[in-house]
């Protein structure tokens, strides 16, 4: 695993599966903020953050990394927006781990779409004389 140092906080990135109304959120739509579960807190972090807390932070904050097929983000204390403390809100967010297998599924779908598009376009190149 990874241990945060100094004023850093390491979170495992999460993504929302559904909107507040229950609609499934497609990959192409991005939240204005990101969510993550705290896995490590640096010794000089002054905010009352502990492992297991769910934090809100900016999509472009910190540094992203992948360890064992899971996405993590190393954030400075001043890049954090807040801690979600209400279990009801956490449940409404329907947060899921971001894993390498999610990206693999997207890559596979894109390859299939490109293959189908290439096959379809080859058939349309036939010119009758």
Foldseek 3Di string as FASTA:
>chain_A
DDEDAAQKWKWFWWAFQAALVGHGDDPVDDDQKTKTFTDYGHPNHPDPDDGGWIWIFGPPAADWDDDPFFIMGIHGNVRTDDTDDDPVVVVSRRIDTHGNVVVVVVVVVVVVVVVVVVVVVVVVPDDDD
